[in-house]
């Protein structure tokens, strides 16, 4: 996976978001084992301590859990994964609406344009 990290925001929070995306998209399905901290840090080209901090945050958020001798795993709580997925989707929708308002569209116009574009994509 290509880790797309930018310098405009803390790396740790970007790692949290990208790992959430990997989980909700099914790349790391419920119950699956994550690679080690060092392996993930190497893939992302970040310090292992930064990756550890991101994984600890995801554990605090209930998306990951640790088994002492086996490593970190994605939660098997599908409802929790769906909750995170919905939160991410709502964030994207709010960002879209804000961007459309900046272009001069009201919410209704933005939705109409979205529907039209979706129909054209199908």
Foldseek 3Di string as FASTA:
>chain_A
DAQDDDPPDDRLVSLLVVVLVCDLVPVQDAFRADDALVVVCVRHVHDSVSSVSSVVVCVVLVQWDADVPPHIHGHNPVVSSVVSVVVVVVVVVVVQQVVVVVVVDHPVRSVVVVVVVVVVVD
